[in-house]
């Protein structure tokens, strides 16, 4: 059954930027299809004057007029506009909201600090599978904390954004002292354990820097993880950029507009980890905007990974039925393995996701199908997976489309040898199921795979005997070999 599909948009008026994001929503999947921002700088000088920047107000209002025109042209009336820390803190914030609402033709909502923290957490929870820990959403003026993983405590907002902390030259020692004193007042941080889910452009830029320093192959920010040691290494580079032109150039090459404030973001991240029991950093590309959208649409018990695969690959009902039948077909054949991703349930979830993508590359040219299918699965903007899980799915898909598929060497460190073996098994079994059934779910459900002590047996009804072609027998043999078994066909 296809999940419900709809389009929706969020306009986020922040301290640094004013952004419009249009989403394609399919069940639990939230895929951005349009993303535009204007670096208005509403919060520039706010801590000194108490007012929103006049040039920032002008820039923001122009952006809102443009966004209104875009949404009208796209016939998209399902959108929500929110404003955050700078607007709620400024003396002229209410006057700006009146202007902004007129420019947009719709009321703009000012979020409280607790609302902002709660909605950022909703966005993170919508894009990870069972996250546990604390989110930190770093904006231009504020930093929001909220525990995730079934914890009911309210979130909190601290005025620790770069625009609130920096006015002029950076004094790192004084800045760290100020940050540490403010973080000590946080009840949420004092109780935090698990992972730290980092939300916000500055922290995403730190992750990009770490990818550069470590020549990390998979440039996907969602789910990227950093240890305390890696954070310290990136922080040193950010601090060096204040006096070292080469370091400064490296930062600007990654993100020129944010380079000035990256030392602030780095100190914040160091102190958060130092003052808590948090295990490390996980980057979240989702946050406030996705939380506002999910909150408006209502909660869902569906899996963002499964719905994300369906949405990105644009699977129709027949393809969905085939993917579901394919997993039921191959599951009894898979070799017993230790937990690959923490639990048998977690392993099965990744196997199912791979099977849902088993018919995703039929439109690609046969000469390039396996590589294109691999690249698509590796980088697709579905959520709910770690990088190693994403890499296993992609490797399995490559093996599904090519018997001896070889992925690029730079991606091999993303998975363990045990995960590699499981990917090859899944890929080979998917090749067998696809060719036997003609990629038909109903036909596949009339057959089954079974393993005995030394056999991999394809069991087919007498009525479907004609489906057992030479190619089917050959692929059964290949799959059995992957599983260190002998092939066998049983008719009737």
Foldseek 3Di string as FASTA:
>chain_A
DWADWDKEWEWEAEQFKTKIWIWIDTFLATHTDDIDIDRLRQLACCLPPLGGDPSSLVRNLVVLLVVLVVCVVVVHPHYAYEYEDRLVRGPCSVVSQVSSCVSNVHHYYYDDLQRQQVLQQLFVPSFADQAFWWEWAAGQQWIKIDTDRPDDDTIGIDRQHLSSQDDDDDDLVVSLVVLLVRVVPDPRLAPTEEAYEYHYDLVLLLVVLLCVVVVQPQPDQAQDWDFLVSLVVSLVLLVVLVPDVVSVVSSCVSPVVCSVPNNSVSSNVNSSVVNHNYGTYTYHHTGNRSSVVCVVVDDGPDALLQSLLCVQLVDDPQLQLLLVLLLQFQVQVFADDPDFPPDPVVVSVLLSSLSSCLCSQPVPDLVCRLVVQLVCQQHPPGGHDHNLSSNLSSLLSSCLSPVPGDDDPSCVVSGDPVSNLRSNLSSLSNNLLCQLQVSGNVQSNQWHWHDDPAETEIEHEQVSPVSCDPVNQVSQQSSSVSNNHGYYYHYD
